[in-house]
Amino acid sequence: METGKPVLLSGGNPQIPKGFGEGPVQAYIAAMPGWKQDVGRALDGLITAALPGVGKAVKWNSPLYGMQEGLWFLSFHCMTRYIKVAFFRGTELRPMPPVGSRQPLVRYLHIGPDGAFDEAQFTGWVRQASRLPGERM
């Protein structure tokens, strides 16, 4: 039975078609389940407020943010128990985001069901990350 709603993949991550611009990102956020939707709105709002004109896309069922076409500095993804925010050159941010990665430059911020995170620190990381070379994805 077709409901018109995106399929939720493992962890509740919405399956959204690849696309560029505000529309696909807002479709992804609208499809995020439960408490994750509020966090997605908060993340997108903070990024957009810090960087008016930031580029947006959805690829690999995750929103991407960048300052140059085709180059991205941040993404987020719904996991079962948290939202994983990826800073693609996170090892260059000060202070570094708290969670390491198998990829040498990537650092993560995990946001749990209480939705709590340091918005001022996050905004600082976003501004720093936006000035670093982006990653092609």
Protein backbone atom coordinates (compact mmCIF):
# COMPACT_ATOMS: atom_id res chain seq x y z
CA MET A 1 0.00 0.00 0.00
CA GLU A 2 1.49 3.34 -1.08
CA THR A 3 1.38 5.98 1.66
CA GLY A 4 3.37 8.69 -0.11
CA LYS A 5 5.74 8.83 2.86
CA PRO A 6 9.44 8.07 2.43
CA VAL A 7 10.60 4.64 3.52
CA LEU A 8 12.55 4.66 6.77
CA LEU A 9 15.77 2.69 6.47
CA SER A 10 17.71 1.20 9.37
CA GLY A 11 17.90 3.54 12.36
CA GLY A 12 14.89 5.46 11.08
CA ASN A 13 16.91 7.19 8.38
CA PRO A 14 14.57 8.51 5.63
CA GLN A 15 15.11 7.24 2.10
CA ILE A 16 15.01 10.47 0.10
CA PRO A 17 15.89 10.69 -3.61
CA LYS A 18 19.14 12.45 -4.45
CA GLY A 19 18.56 16.14 -5.05
CA PHE A 20 20.07 19.58 -4.69
CA GLY A 21 18.71 22.62 -2.89
CA GLU A 22 16.34 23.36 -0.06
CA GLY A 23 13.51 21.06 -1.18
CA PRO A 24 15.22 17.67 -0.77
CA VAL A 25 16.74 18.68 2.58
CA GLN A 26 13.37 19.83 3.91
CA ALA A 27 11.77 16.59 2.63
CA TYR A 28 14.42 14.62 4.52
CA ILE A 29 13.83 16.59 7.73
CA ALA A 30 10.03 16.23 7.41
CA ALA A 31 10.46 12.45 7.12
CA MET A 32 12.73 12.11 10.16
CA PRO A 33 10.86 10.10 12.81
CA GLY A 34 9.87 11.37 16.27
CA TRP A 35 12.38 13.43 18.24
CA LYS A 36 14.87 13.24 15.37
CA GLN A 37 12.75 15.65 13.30
CA ASP A 38 13.07 18.40 15.92
CA VAL A 39 16.83 17.91 16.02
CA GLY A 40 17.00 17.96 12.21
CA ARG A 41 15.09 21.25 12.13
CA ALA A 42 17.40 22.71 14.78
CA LEU A 43 20.57 21.62 12.94
CA ASP A 44 19.34 22.97 9.60
CA GLY A 45 18.22 26.23 11.21
CA LEU A 46 21.55 26.79 12.96
CA ILE A 47 23.54 26.01 9.80
CA THR A 48 21.37 28.29 7.65
CA ALA A 49 21.48 31.13 10.20
CA ALA A 50 25.28 30.89 10.52
CA LEU A 51 25.84 30.65 6.76
CA PRO A 52 23.15 32.40 4.70
CA GLY A 53 23.33 31.01 1.18
CA VAL A 54 24.84 27.67 2.24
CA GLY A 55 24.47 25.00 -0.43
CA LYS A 56 22.31 22.00 0.40
CA ALA A 57 21.72 18.58 -1.08
CA VAL A 58 20.59 15.08 -0.21
CA LYS A 59 22.84 12.24 -1.31
CA TRP A 60 23.10 8.74 0.11
CA ASN A 61 19.98 9.47 2.18
CA SER A 62 21.70 12.22 4.15
CA PRO A 63 21.56 16.02 3.96
CA LEU A 64 24.83 17.67 2.92
CA TYR A 65 25.92 21.28 3.42
CA GLY A 66 28.65 23.13 1.52
CA MET A 67 29.95 26.52 0.45
CA GLN A 68 31.10 25.54 -3.05
CA GLU A 69 29.17 23.57 -5.62
CA GLY A 70 29.84 19.86 -5.24
CA LEU A 71 32.01 20.31 -2.12
CA TRP A 72 30.58 19.54 1.31
CA PHE A 73 31.73 20.17 4.87
CA LEU A 74 28.94 18.57 6.95
CA SER A 75 26.26 15.91 6.85
CA PHE A 76 23.87 14.28 9.29
CA HIS A 77 22.24 10.87 9.40
CA CYS A 78 19.62 9.15 11.58
CA MET A 79 20.95 6.24 13.58
CA THR A 80 18.82 4.07 15.88
CA ARG A 81 19.69 5.86 19.15
CA TYR A 82 21.16 9.16 17.95
CA ILE A 83 21.70 11.52 15.07
CA LYS A 84 25.24 11.39 13.73
CA VAL A 85 26.55 14.76 12.56
CA ALA A 86 29.68 14.34 10.42
CA PHE A 87 32.24 17.11 10.00
CA PHE A 88 34.28 15.92 7.02
CA ARG A 89 37.42 17.77 8.12
CA GLY A 90 36.58 17.61 11.81
CA THR A 91 40.14 16.99 12.96
CA GLU A 92 40.89 20.57 11.87
CA LEU A 93 38.16 22.09 14.08
CA ARG A 94 38.96 23.53 17.50
CA PRO A 95 38.01 22.06 19.77
CA MET A 96 37.54 18.87 17.81
CA PRO A 97 34.07 17.31 17.80
CA PRO A 98 34.05 14.51 20.36
CA VAL A 99 33.67 11.29 18.36
CA GLY A 100 36.39 9.86 16.14
CA SER A 101 36.03 7.98 12.88
CA ARG A 102 37.80 5.29 10.88
CA GLN A 103 38.23 8.01 8.24
CA PRO A 104 41.29 10.03 9.25
CA LEU A 105 39.87 13.57 8.99
CA VAL A 106 36.23 12.97 9.96
CA ARG A 107 34.86 13.71 13.44
CA TYR A 108 31.30 13.23 14.67
CA LEU A 109 28.85 14.80 17.06
CA HIS A 110 26.18 12.39 18.32
CA ILE A 111 22.87 13.89 19.46
CA GLY A 112 20.66 11.59 21.55
CA PRO A 113 16.93 11.37 22.23
CA ASP A 114 16.96 14.29 24.66
CA GLY A 115 17.96 16.46 21.67
CA ALA A 116 20.50 18.31 23.78
CA PHE A 117 23.67 19.69 22.22
CA ASP A 118 25.73 22.84 22.66
CA GLU A 119 24.25 25.06 19.95
CA ALA A 120 26.93 27.75 20.34
CA GLN A 121 29.72 25.17 19.96
CA PHE A 122 27.95 23.56 17.00
CA THR A 123 27.57 26.94 15.29
CA GLY A 124 31.27 27.63 15.87
CA TRP A 125 32.18 24.30 14.26
CA VAL A 126 29.89 25.05 11.31
CA ARG A 127 31.57 28.41 10.72
CA GLN A 128 35.05 26.89 11.02
CA ALA A 129 34.17 23.95 8.76
CA SER A 130 32.71 26.24 6.10
CA ARG A 131 36.13 27.91 5.69
CA LEU A 132 37.97 24.60 5.13
CA PRO A 133 38.27 22.84 1.80
CA GLY A 134 35.13 20.83 1.15
CA GLU A 135 34.91 17.15 0.31
CA ARG A 136 33.63 15.95 -3.07
CA MET A 137 30.82 13.43 -2.64
